[in-house]
Protein backbone atom coordinates (compact mmCIF):
# COMPACT_ATOMS: atom_id res chain seq x y z
CA MET A 1 63.32 66.52 78.73
CA LYS A 2 67.04 67.13 78.88
CA LYS A 3 68.91 65.72 81.82
CA LEU A 4 72.29 66.87 83.03
CA VAL A 5 74.37 63.86 83.99
CA LEU A 6 78.00 63.31 84.95
CA ALA A 7 80.16 61.39 82.52
CA VAL A 8 82.01 58.29 83.57
CA ALA A 9 85.03 59.19 81.49
CA ALA A 10 86.83 62.46 80.98
CA SER A 11 89.20 61.78 78.10
CA MET A 12 88.43 63.23 74.68
CA ALA A 13 88.51 60.75 71.83
CA ALA A 14 86.88 60.66 68.41
CA TYR A 15 86.68 56.92 67.93
CA LEU A 16 83.63 55.31 66.36
CA VAL A 17 81.43 53.30 68.68
CA ILE A 18 80.77 50.05 66.86
CA ALA A 19 77.35 48.66 67.59
CA PRO A 20 74.72 46.93 65.48
CA ALA A 21 72.13 49.26 64.01
CA ALA A 22 68.78 49.08 65.74
CA PHE A 23 65.55 49.11 63.75
CA ALA A 24 62.16 50.09 65.09
CA ALA A 25 58.56 50.50 64.09
CA GLY A 26 58.19 53.04 61.33
CA GLY A 27 61.56 52.20 59.79
CA TRP A 28 63.71 54.31 62.13
CA THR A 29 67.34 53.26 62.55
CA SER A 30 69.80 54.11 65.30
CA VAL A 31 72.94 55.48 63.61
CA ASN A 32 76.46 55.22 65.01
CA VAL A 33 78.19 58.51 65.79
CA PRO A 34 81.74 59.12 67.07
CA SER A 35 82.17 59.17 70.83
CA THR A 36 83.81 62.03 72.69
CA GLY A 37 84.66 59.82 75.66
CA ASN A 38 82.12 61.80 77.72
CA ASN A 39 78.38 61.66 78.14
CA VAL A 40 76.71 63.57 75.29
CA SER A 41 73.25 65.05 74.79
CA LEU A 42 72.27 66.32 71.34
CA LEU A 43 69.90 69.28 71.44
CA GLY A 44 69.64 70.69 67.91
CA ALA A 45 69.85 69.55 64.29
CA SER A 46 69.49 70.83 60.74
CA ALA A 47 69.73 69.34 57.26
CA ARG A 48 70.47 71.40 54.15
CA THR A 49 71.19 68.68 51.57
CA ASN A 50 71.57 64.89 51.52
CA SER A 51 75.29 65.37 52.20
CA ASP A 52 75.21 68.34 54.58
CA ALA A 53 73.52 67.98 57.97
CA TRP A 54 74.45 69.03 61.50
CA ALA A 55 73.69 67.88 65.05
CA VAL A 56 74.86 69.91 68.06
CA GLY A 57 74.70 69.63 71.82
CA GLN A 58 76.64 69.36 75.03
CA GLN A 59 78.92 66.94 76.87
CA PHE A 60 79.53 66.32 80.56
CA VAL A 61 82.86 65.51 82.17
CA ALA A 62 83.60 63.73 85.44
CA ALA A 63 83.82 65.78 88.61
CA GLY A 64 87.09 67.66 88.92
CA GLN A 65 87.92 67.50 85.20
CA PRO A 66 88.34 70.56 82.93
CA GLN A 67 85.15 71.56 81.15
CA ALA A 68 84.79 70.14 77.65
CA PRO A 69 83.50 72.28 74.76
CA ALA A 70 80.10 71.91 73.14
CA VAL A 71 79.75 69.20 70.51
CA ALA A 72 79.01 69.48 66.79
CA TYR A 73 78.61 66.51 64.45
CA HIS A 74 78.49 66.73 60.66
CA TRP A 75 76.88 64.36 58.13
CA ASN A 76 78.64 64.21 54.73
CA GLY A 77 76.21 61.82 53.06
CA THR A 78 78.01 58.70 54.27
CA SER A 79 78.83 59.07 57.96
CA TRP A 80 78.73 61.40 60.95
CA SER A 81 82.00 63.00 62.09
CA LEU A 82 82.87 65.01 65.18
CA THR A 83 84.01 68.55 64.34
CA PRO A 84 86.02 70.51 66.95
CA THR A 85 84.34 73.53 68.54
CA PRO A 86 86.10 76.39 70.36
CA ASP A 87 87.32 75.58 73.85
CA LEU A 88 85.99 78.51 75.87
CA GLY A 89 87.50 77.35 79.15
CA GLU A 90 84.03 77.15 80.68
CA TYR A 91 80.98 74.96 80.34
CA GLY A 92 79.09 75.49 77.09
CA ALA A 93 76.24 73.97 75.14
CA LEU A 94 74.82 74.38 71.65
CA ASP A 95 71.01 74.24 71.43
CA GLY A 96 70.39 74.99 67.76
CA VAL A 97 72.11 74.95 64.38
CA SER A 98 71.29 76.08 60.83
CA ALA A 99 73.24 76.38 57.58
CA SER A 100 72.65 78.44 54.46
CA SER A 101 75.53 76.83 52.55
CA ALA A 102 78.44 74.42 53.01
CA THR A 103 80.56 77.39 54.11
CA ASP A 104 78.05 79.25 56.27
CA ALA A 105 76.41 77.78 59.37
CA TRP A 106 75.47 79.16 62.78
CA ALA A 107 75.19 77.23 66.05
CA VAL A 108 73.80 78.91 69.16
CA GLY A 109 73.58 78.15 72.85
CA PHE A 110 75.08 79.34 76.11
CA THR A 111 78.15 79.32 78.33
CA MET A 112 78.23 79.15 82.11
CA ILE A 113 80.41 82.02 83.26
CA ARG A 114 80.01 81.26 86.95
CA ARG A 115 77.38 79.64 89.13
CA HIS A 116 73.93 80.97 88.14
CA ASP A 117 75.45 83.35 85.57
CA TYR A 118 75.21 82.49 81.90
CA GLY A 119 76.15 84.09 78.61
CA THR A 120 74.58 83.66 75.18
CA LEU A 121 76.84 81.93 72.66
CA PHE A 122 77.09 82.21 68.85
CA GLU A 123 79.46 79.97 66.88
CA HIS A 124 80.07 80.17 63.12
CA TRP A 125 81.16 77.52 60.59
CA ASN A 126 83.11 78.83 57.56
CA GLY A 127 83.44 75.52 55.74
CA SER A 128 86.53 74.32 57.57
CA ALA A 129 86.25 75.29 61.26
CA TRP A 130 83.97 76.57 64.00
CA SER A 131 84.78 79.89 65.68
CA ALA A 132 83.17 81.71 68.60
CA ALA A 133 81.71 84.73 66.84
CA SER A 134 80.21 86.22 69.97
CA VAL A 135 80.81 85.01 73.51
CA ASP A 136 78.70 86.24 76.43
CA ALA A 137 76.84 88.73 74.23
CA ILE A 138 74.05 88.84 76.82
CA THR A 139 74.55 87.61 80.36
CA GLY A 140 72.42 86.87 83.37
CA PHE A 141 70.53 84.00 84.96
CA ALA A 142 69.22 81.63 82.25
CA ALA A 143 70.62 83.74 79.38
CA ARG A 144 70.58 81.35 76.43
CA VAL A 145 70.04 81.29 72.67
CA THR A 146 68.01 78.20 71.84
CA GLY A 147 67.26 78.40 68.12
CA VAL A 148 68.62 79.83 64.88
CA VAL A 149 67.68 79.97 61.21
CA ASP A 150 70.41 80.85 58.69
CA LEU A 151 68.92 82.22 55.46
CA THR A 152 72.04 83.67 53.81
CA SER A 153 75.50 84.76 54.87
CA THR A 154 74.02 88.21 55.59
CA ASN A 155 70.64 87.23 57.03
CA ALA A 156 70.07 85.00 60.04
CA TRP A 157 67.69 85.05 63.02
CA ALA A 158 68.16 83.61 66.50
CA VAL A 159 65.86 83.37 69.52
CA GLY A 160 66.35 82.74 73.19
CA GLU A 161 66.08 84.30 76.60
CA GLY A 162 68.11 86.91 78.46
CA ALA A 163 68.09 88.18 82.01
CA SER A 164 65.17 90.50 81.24
CA GLY A 165 63.06 88.16 79.10
CA GLY A 166 62.72 86.80 75.58
CA LEU A 167 65.26 87.59 72.87
CA ILE A 168 65.18 87.89 69.10
CA GLU A 169 68.57 88.52 67.50
CA HIS A 170 69.32 89.40 63.86
CA TRP A 171 72.53 88.86 61.85
CA THR A 172 73.16 91.23 58.94
CA GLY A 173 76.56 89.98 57.86
CA SER A 174 78.74 91.87 60.33
CA ALA A 175 77.12 91.69 63.78
CA TRP A 176 74.24 90.31 65.82
CA SER A 177 71.78 92.86 67.22
CA THR A 178 68.73 92.60 69.46
CA VAL A 179 65.30 93.22 67.93
CA ALA A 180 62.36 94.45 70.00
CA LEU A 181 59.68 91.86 70.73
CA PRO A 182 56.11 92.77 69.70
CA ASP A 183 54.99 91.20 73.01
CA PRO A 184 57.41 91.97 75.88
CA SER A 185 56.07 89.02 77.89
CA PHE A 186 56.74 86.52 75.08
CA THR A 187 59.37 83.85 75.78
CA PRO A 188 60.62 81.69 72.88
CA ALA A 189 60.49 77.97 73.58
CA THR A 190 63.61 76.13 74.62
CA GLY A 191 63.20 73.67 71.77
CA ASN A 192 63.50 74.26 68.02
CA ALA A 193 61.41 77.40 68.26
CA ILE A 194 62.25 79.16 64.97
CA SER A 195 61.79 78.27 61.31
CA ALA A 196 61.66 80.13 58.01
CA ASP A 197 60.33 79.29 54.58
CA SER A 198 61.88 82.49 53.18
CA ALA A 199 63.26 85.82 54.34
CA ASN A 200 59.67 87.09 54.35
CA ASP A 201 58.16 84.16 56.24
CA VAL A 202 59.75 83.50 59.64
CA TRP A 203 57.95 81.87 62.58
CA VAL A 204 58.83 81.71 66.28
CA VAL A 205 56.79 79.81 68.88
CA GLY A 206 56.83 79.99 72.65
CA SER A 207 54.62 81.22 75.44
CA THR A 208 53.22 84.33 77.08
CA ILE A 209 51.09 85.17 80.09
CA ASN A 210 47.33 85.47 79.77
CA PRO A 211 46.66 88.74 81.67
CA ALA A 212 43.12 87.66 82.57
CA THR A 213 43.97 84.25 84.04
CA GLU A 214 47.73 84.70 84.65
CA ALA A 215 48.18 81.28 83.04
CA THR A 216 51.09 80.50 80.71
CA VAL A 217 49.70 80.00 77.22
CA PRO A 218 51.25 79.30 73.79
CA GLU A 219 51.93 82.16 71.40
CA ALA A 220 53.48 82.62 67.96
CA LEU A 221 55.37 85.50 66.37
CA HIS A 222 55.68 86.08 62.62
CA TYR A 223 58.10 88.15 60.52
CA ASN A 224 56.92 89.23 57.06
CA GLY A 225 60.20 90.76 55.92
CA LEU A 226 59.45 94.12 57.53
CA THR A 227 58.01 93.70 61.01
CA TRP A 228 57.41 91.12 63.75
CA THR A 229 53.80 90.65 64.86
CA VAL A 230 51.91 88.49 67.33
CA VAL A 231 49.70 85.83 65.72
CA ALA A 232 46.94 84.26 67.80
CA VAL A 233 47.35 80.57 68.65
CA PRO A 234 44.44 78.49 69.98
CA GLU A 235 44.90 77.62 73.63
CA PRO A 236 44.80 73.92 74.53
CA SER A 237 42.34 72.48 77.00
CA GLN A 238 41.77 74.81 79.94
CA ALA A 239 44.55 77.12 78.75
CA SER A 240 47.62 75.27 79.93
CA GLY A 241 50.22 74.03 77.50
CA THR A 242 53.28 74.92 75.46
CA LEU A 243 54.52 74.97 71.89
CA ASN A 244 58.17 73.92 71.65
CA ALA A 245 59.00 73.71 67.96
CA VAL A 246 57.85 74.95 64.55
CA THR A 247 58.55 74.20 60.90
CA ALA A 248 57.49 76.43 57.99
CA LEU A 249 56.90 74.74 54.63
CA SER A 250 55.32 77.69 52.81
CA ALA A 251 53.41 80.88 53.47
CA GLY A 252 50.26 78.78 53.81
CA ASN A 253 51.61 75.73 55.58
CA ALA A 254 53.41 75.53 58.94
CA TRP A 255 53.31 73.15 61.91
CA ALA A 256 53.98 73.74 65.61
CA VAL A 257 54.21 71.05 68.31
CA GLY A 258 54.35 70.82 72.08
CA GLU A 259 52.24 69.46 74.91
CA ASP A 260 48.85 70.06 76.52
CA THR A 261 49.02 69.87 80.31
CA GLY A 262 45.65 71.42 81.10
CA ALA A 263 43.17 69.87 83.48
CA GLY A 264 41.02 68.96 80.49
CA SER A 265 43.74 66.81 78.90
CA ALA A 266 44.44 63.17 79.65
CA ILE A 267 46.08 62.21 82.94
CA GLY A 268 49.77 62.75 82.33
CA GLY A 269 49.10 65.30 79.61
CA SER A 270 48.61 65.03 75.85
CA THR A 271 50.53 65.92 72.73
CA LEU A 272 49.67 69.29 71.19
CA ILE A 273 49.98 69.91 67.44
CA GLU A 274 48.79 73.04 65.64
CA HIS A 275 48.67 73.91 61.93
CA TRP A 276 48.91 77.22 60.04
CA ASN A 277 46.90 77.34 56.81
CA GLY A 278 47.92 80.82 55.71
CA THR A 279 45.13 82.50 57.63
CA ALA A 280 44.96 81.03 61.13
CA TRP A 281 46.41 78.44 63.51
CA SER A 282 44.21 75.52 64.54
CA VAL A 283 44.65 72.51 66.82
CA VAL A 284 44.95 69.22 64.90
CA ALA A 285 44.09 65.93 66.60
CA SER A 286 47.17 63.91 67.51
CA PRO A 287 47.77 60.62 69.35
CA THR A 288 49.46 60.44 72.74
CA PRO A 289 51.34 57.17 73.23
CA GLY A 290 52.41 56.53 76.81
CA ALA A 291 52.20 59.40 79.27
CA TYR A 292 53.77 62.77 80.11
CA PRO A 293 54.55 63.54 76.45
CA SER A 294 56.77 66.37 75.25
CA LEU A 295 57.10 67.09 71.54
CA SER A 296 60.28 69.12 71.00
CA GLY A 297 61.00 68.93 67.27
CA VAL A 298 59.14 68.92 63.96
CA ALA A 299 60.31 68.71 60.33
CA ALA A 300 58.84 67.96 56.90
CA ARG A 301 59.88 66.46 53.56
CA SER A 302 56.60 67.54 51.97
CA ALA A 303 53.10 68.68 52.85
CA GLY A 304 52.15 65.01 53.18
CA ASP A 305 55.25 63.85 55.06
CA VAL A 306 55.69 65.66 58.37
CA TYR A 307 57.03 64.16 61.59
CA ALA A 308 57.29 65.33 65.20
CA VAL A 309 59.73 63.98 67.77
CA GLY A 310 59.93 64.04 71.54
CA THR A 311 59.76 61.98 74.68
CA ASN A 312 57.23 60.12 76.80
CA LEU A 313 57.05 57.64 79.67
CA PRO A 314 55.57 54.15 79.31
CA SER A 315 52.60 54.97 81.55
CA VAL A 316 51.32 57.37 84.19
CA ASN A 317 53.01 55.08 86.70
CA GLY A 318 56.38 56.14 85.33
CA GLY A 319 59.23 54.16 83.85
CA PRO A 320 62.29 55.06 81.77
CA GLU A 321 62.15 57.86 79.22
CA GLN A 322 61.55 56.68 75.67
CA ALA A 323 61.79 58.30 72.26
CA MET A 324 58.48 59.23 70.63
CA ILE A 325 57.85 59.98 66.95
CA LEU A 326 54.53 60.94 65.36
CA ARG A 327 53.86 61.26 61.61
CA TRP A 328 51.48 63.25 59.41
CA ASN A 329 50.57 61.55 56.13
CA GLY A 330 48.61 64.43 54.65
CA SER A 331 45.35 63.63 56.39
CA ALA A 332 46.04 62.43 59.96
CA TRP A 333 48.70 62.09 62.65
CA SER A 334 49.68 58.61 63.83
CA VAL A 335 52.32 56.98 66.03
CA ASP A 336 55.42 56.24 63.98
CA SER A 337 57.55 54.95 66.87
CA SER A 338 57.21 54.88 70.64
CA GLY A 339 59.16 52.81 73.13
CA ALA A 340 61.50 51.24 70.56
CA PHE A 341 64.39 53.50 71.62
CA GLY A 342 65.26 54.45 75.17
CA GLY A 343 66.15 58.04 75.98
CA SER A 344 64.68 61.25 74.62
CA LEU A 345 64.56 63.13 71.31
CA ALA A 346 65.16 66.88 71.21
CA ALA A 347 65.18 67.86 67.52
CA ALA A 348 64.19 66.83 64.00
CA ALA A 349 65.86 67.74 60.71
CA THR A 350 65.11 67.16 57.03
CA PHE A 351 64.21 69.24 53.95
CA PRO A 352 61.82 68.98 50.97
CA GLY A 353 62.64 65.94 48.87
CA ALA A 354 65.36 64.66 51.23
CA SER A 355 66.49 61.05 51.09
CA SER A 356 66.63 60.85 54.91
CA GLU A 357 64.89 62.21 57.96
CA TRP A 358 66.86 62.74 61.18
CA ALA A 359 65.97 62.83 64.88
CA VAL A 360 68.54 63.53 67.60
CA GLY A 361 68.67 63.48 71.39
CA VAL A 362 70.23 61.42 74.15
CA GLY A 363 70.05 57.64 74.51
CA SER A 364 69.43 55.58 77.62
CA SER A 365 73.20 55.09 77.94
CA ASP A 366 73.73 58.88 78.19
CA GLN A 367 75.28 59.06 74.73
CA GLY A 368 74.18 61.10 71.75
CA LEU A 369 71.22 59.45 70.00
CA VAL A 370 70.83 59.86 66.23
CA LEU A 371 67.92 58.17 64.44
CA SER A 372 67.52 57.96 60.67
CA HIS A 373 64.49 57.26 58.51
CA GLY A 374 64.78 56.67 54.78
């Protein structure tokens, strides 16, 4: 869950908040990141190498203050730094980020043009600065690009939602263009909904409407290098649930995560994790610590080291939001951390053989939350 909150300070400053690192069950550590002087929520993350990772999001200013630009943090192998993003003169947020090289990264999100009118936002990193490559490409209520995968400087995919429904956008090196959805009723998830193992193996998860029951059910789309197709996804208990994030390890190995809110699930809902084995998706048993869970990110260092991040509440009676992390060890999912960190986690980022795993979101103090696992 991502909450919009007003900041208690409006000044922009890139000083480092000095605080002792916090350790939790599973070996996760809270990492210091520079403060903007405003409240910050991190929504997307990606990691390309041990010295090249990104976390992006939004910041909120005090009432009456000029809007502040979206935020982008970079990891250079030693520390996180705040990199300036274009000041669009209007509220903006970055939901997703992906890099194909040190000099080629895309971050996507939205800008608020006026009340209830939004525009999709694409920003590009050339190795030294961010620039707004396309502002307000598609407008309308809830128009937003929520995920991106950057394969090369001439091949990237982005997903989101426009005024008329779900969006898939393709970058060919000179411009972004809209690609027709194989299911017009499909809506990409608002989490980390896109992942690619190669240019011929791209996955997007989200939801569609079951025409027989009119219920919202999870769905997946796949690109094989030529065409996009709908791939059947098992429905959770009593056909009510969502898939929010996906990670593709190979043509025969992908994971998607979300939540099961059907009447057949536990009170307060259950986590939902599904696996692709190269032939079909299947539901894999997963624990649900606390209540009202929402898994919003998933990443993997190997086939036997996969983790999913999100948020839950301490119990069905409520309580403060708390970060939740589950882990796959090659044979079963287990709770890696729950309740050790206040706030919520929105995204996960690592890569095969990485020295670190990352999880980002917003802490209980309304500041960007970055967790690291060695």
